[in-house]
Amino acid sequence: MTLPPGTLAVLIERNGEKIVPRGTTVLEAGDKVILSGAAEEGEELNFSEIRLEKDSDGVGQPLKDCALVKGALVMMVKRKELVIIPKGEFILRAGDVLVIHRRDGAGT
């Protein structure tokens, strides 16, 4: 797994156990990885969550067509017990929680 510059894997949750990763730690299916990163100097981070209801824009459509997130980066989608890193073709469903990052108020 390649992480963006300045990003660190700081904790892995595996079967209820908390593991501090080292250079030799191997990720396994089902692991939850907690990341840490720094904003570039002068950059403001703006994260938020949007819960999709059955009548929300984009439900049943690919993520790339969802007007709610235009100008933003969808970091992950929480769907029931799953945490998904979506791509543009990912189909949104009612109940999905989108974790988004907007730069400097983009799309607001």
C-alpha atoms as a PDB file:
ATOM      1  CA  MET A   1       0.000   0.000   0.000  1.00  0.00           C
ATOM      2  CA  THR A   2       1.407   3.373  -0.987  1.00  0.00           C
ATOM      3  CA  LEU A   3       0.379   6.348   1.121  1.00  0.00           C
ATOM      4  CA  PRO A   4       0.480  10.004   0.090  1.00  0.00           C
ATOM      5  CA  PRO A   5       3.593  11.915   1.240  1.00  0.00           C
ATOM      6  CA  GLY A   6       3.369  12.935   4.888  1.00  0.00           C
ATOM      7  CA  THR A   7       0.816  10.222   5.725  1.00  0.00           C
ATOM      8  CA  LEU A   8       1.505   7.614   8.396  1.00  0.00           C
ATOM      9  CA  ALA A   9      -0.292   4.436   9.395  1.00  0.00           C
ATOM     10  CA  VAL A  10      -0.496   4.966  13.167  1.00  0.00           C
ATOM     11  CA  LEU A  11      -2.703   2.099  14.301  1.00  0.00           C
ATOM     12  CA  ILE A  12      -4.227  -1.122  13.018  1.00  0.00           C
ATOM     13  CA  GLU A  13      -7.345  -2.625  14.553  1.00  0.00           C
ATOM     14  CA  ARG A  14      -7.519  -6.377  13.971  1.00  0.00           C
ATOM     15  CA  ASN A  15     -10.134  -8.622  15.600  1.00  0.00           C
ATOM     16  CA  GLY A  16     -10.471  -6.251  18.559  1.00  0.00           C
ATOM     17  CA  GLU A  17      -6.699  -5.971  19.005  1.00  0.00           C
ATOM     18  CA  LYS A  18      -4.869  -2.657  18.556  1.00  0.00           C
ATOM     19  CA  ILE A  19      -1.511  -2.950  16.797  1.00  0.00           C
ATOM     20  CA  VAL A  20       1.072  -0.195  16.368  1.00  0.00           C
ATOM     21  CA  PRO A  21       2.453  -0.854  12.879  1.00  0.00           C
ATOM     22  CA  ARG A  22       6.147  -1.262  12.270  1.00  0.00           C
ATOM     23  CA  GLY A  23       8.015  -1.519   8.981  1.00  0.00           C
ATOM     24  CA  THR A  24       7.470  -5.276   8.886  1.00  0.00           C
ATOM     25  CA  THR A  25       3.745  -5.267   9.791  1.00  0.00           C
ATOM     26  CA  VAL A  26       1.617  -7.054   7.187  1.00  0.00           C
ATOM     27  CA  LEU A  27      -1.963  -5.933   6.615  1.00  0.00           C
ATOM     28  CA  GLU A  28      -4.627  -8.630   6.631  1.00  0.00           C
ATOM     29  CA  ALA A  29      -8.140  -8.704   5.190  1.00  0.00           C
ATOM     30  CA  GLY A  30     -10.514  -6.999   7.597  1.00  0.00           C
ATOM     31  CA  ASP A  31      -7.876  -4.760   9.192  1.00  0.00           C
ATOM     32  CA  LYS A  32      -8.896  -1.186   9.978  1.00  0.00           C
ATOM     33  CA  VAL A  33      -5.987   1.184   9.378  1.00  0.00           C
ATOM     34  CA  ILE A  34      -5.893   4.524  11.189  1.00  0.00           C
ATOM     35  CA  LEU A  35      -3.940   7.141   9.245  1.00  0.00           C
ATOM     36  CA  SER A  36      -2.428  10.454  10.227  1.00  0.00           C
ATOM     37  CA  GLY A  37      -1.341  13.242   7.929  1.00  0.00           C
ATOM     38  CA  ALA A  38      -0.471  16.897   7.992  1.00  0.00           C
ATOM     39  CA  ALA A  39      -1.977  19.668   5.940  1.00  0.00           C
ATOM     40  CA  GLU A  40       0.346  21.680   3.774  1.00  0.00           C
ATOM     41  CA  GLU A  41       1.299  25.038   5.225  1.00  0.00           C
ATOM     42  CA  GLY A  42      -1.593  27.448   4.811  1.00  0.00           C
ATOM     43  CA  GLU A  43      -4.040  24.692   3.807  1.00  0.00           C
ATOM     44  CA  GLU A  44      -7.204  24.352   5.831  1.00  0.00           C
ATOM     45  CA  LEU A  45      -8.698  20.882   6.168  1.00  0.00           C
ATOM     46  CA  ASN A  46     -12.458  20.604   5.971  1.00  0.00           C
ATOM     47  CA  PHE A  47     -13.918  17.141   6.524  1.00  0.00           C
ATOM     48  CA  SER A  48     -17.596  16.387   6.873  1.00  0.00           C
ATOM     49  CA  GLU A  49     -20.064  13.525   6.663  1.00  0.00           C
ATOM     50  CA  ILE A  50     -23.177  13.352   4.529  1.00  0.00           C
ATOM     51  CA  ARG A  51     -25.757  10.637   5.213  1.00  0.00           C
ATOM     52  CA  LEU A  52     -27.769   9.721   2.136  1.00  0.00           C
ATOM     53  CA  GLU A  53     -31.500   9.276   2.619  1.00  0.00           C
ATOM     54  CA  LYS A  54     -33.720   7.399   0.148  1.00  0.00           C
ATOM     55  CA  ASP A  55     -34.616  10.676  -1.595  1.00  0.00           C
ATOM     56  CA  SER A  56     -31.069  12.161  -1.568  1.00  0.00           C
ATOM     57  CA  ASP A  57     -29.443  13.297  -4.776  1.00  0.00           C
ATOM     58  CA  GLY A  58     -27.227  10.567  -6.197  1.00  0.00           C
ATOM     59  CA  VAL A  59     -28.863   7.508  -4.614  1.00  0.00           C
ATOM     60  CA  GLY A  60     -28.781   4.699  -7.163  1.00  0.00           C
ATOM     61  CA  GLN A  61     -26.234   6.568  -9.284  1.00  0.00           C
ATOM     62  CA  PRO A  62     -22.441   6.419  -9.629  1.00  0.00           C
ATOM     63  CA  LEU A  63     -20.517   8.596  -7.183  1.00  0.00           C
ATOM     64  CA  LYS A  64     -19.033  10.615 -10.067  1.00  0.00           C
ATOM     65  CA  ASP A  65     -22.547  11.892 -10.936  1.00  0.00           C
ATOM     66  CA  CYS A  66     -23.524  12.974  -7.399  1.00  0.00           C
ATOM     67  CA  ALA A  67     -24.016  16.756  -7.242  1.00  0.00           C
ATOM     68  CA  LEU A  68     -23.709  16.713  -3.421  1.00  0.00           C
ATOM     69  CA  VAL A  69     -19.974  16.055  -3.673  1.00  0.00           C
ATOM     70  CA  LYS A  70     -18.961  18.088  -6.731  1.00  0.00           C
ATOM     71  CA  GLY A  71     -15.666  19.823  -6.003  1.00  0.00           C
ATOM     72  CA  ALA A  72     -14.929  17.518  -3.074  1.00  0.00           C
ATOM     73  CA  LEU A  73     -12.976  14.327  -2.510  1.00  0.00           C
ATOM     74  CA  VAL A  74     -14.981  11.426  -1.087  1.00  0.00           C
ATOM     75  CA  MET A  75     -12.465   9.843   1.280  1.00  0.00           C
ATOM     76  CA  MET A  76     -14.627   6.865   2.185  1.00  0.00           C
ATOM     77  CA  VAL A  77     -18.156   5.564   2.354  1.00  0.00           C
ATOM     78  CA  LYS A  78     -19.503   3.906   5.474  1.00  0.00           C
ATOM     79  CA  ARG A  79     -22.135   1.340   4.506  1.00  0.00           C
ATOM     80  CA  LYS A  80     -23.513  -0.539   7.511  1.00  0.00           C
ATOM     81  CA  GLU A  81     -20.440  -2.284   8.982  1.00  0.00           C
ATOM     82  CA  LEU A  82     -18.277  -1.714   5.884  1.00  0.00           C
ATOM     83  CA  VAL A  83     -15.805   1.070   5.230  1.00  0.00           C
ATOM     84  CA  ILE A  84     -15.312   1.472   1.476  1.00  0.00           C
ATOM     85  CA  ILE A  85     -12.773   3.535  -0.444  1.00  0.00           C
ATOM     86  CA  PRO A  86     -14.918   4.375  -3.487  1.00  0.00           C
ATOM     87  CA  LYS A  87     -14.080   5.028  -7.112  1.00  0.00           C
ATOM     88  CA  GLY A  88     -16.176   7.120  -9.486  1.00  0.00           C
ATOM     89  CA  GLU A  89     -18.286   4.169 -10.659  1.00  0.00           C
ATOM     90  CA  PHE A  90     -19.283   3.249  -7.067  1.00  0.00           C
ATOM     91  CA  ILE A  91     -23.106   3.140  -6.835  1.00  0.00           C
ATOM     92  CA  LEU A  92     -24.512   5.119  -3.911  1.00  0.00           C
ATOM     93  CA  ARG A  93     -27.270   3.704  -1.705  1.00  0.00           C
ATOM     94  CA  ALA A  94     -29.659   5.142   0.845  1.00  0.00           C
ATOM     95  CA  GLY A  95     -28.042   4.871   4.270  1.00  0.00           C
ATOM     96  CA  ASP A  96     -24.499   5.399   2.959  1.00  0.00           C
ATOM     97  CA  VAL A  97     -22.448   7.907   4.947  1.00  0.00           C
ATOM     98  CA  LEU A  98     -19.984   9.810   2.754  1.00  0.00           C
ATOM     99  CA  VAL A  99     -16.865  11.184   4.437  1.00  0.00           C
ATOM    100  CA  ILE A 100     -15.741  14.079   2.278  1.00  0.00           C
ATOM    101  CA  HIS A 101     -12.873  16.558   2.153  1.00  0.00           C
ATOM    102  CA  ARG A 102     -13.333  19.988   0.648  1.00  0.00           C
ATOM    103  CA  ARG A 103     -10.428  22.364   0.040  1.00  0.00           C
ATOM    104  CA  ASP A 104     -10.994  25.946   1.126  1.00  0.00           C
ATOM    105  CA  GLY A 105     -14.784  25.704   0.913  1.00  0.00           C
ATOM    106  CA  ALA A 106     -14.884  24.249  -2.619  1.00  0.00           C
ATOM    107  CA  GLY A 107     -18.353  23.151  -3.631  1.00  0.00           C
ATOM    108  CA  THR A 108     -20.106  24.978  -0.803  1.00  0.00           C
END
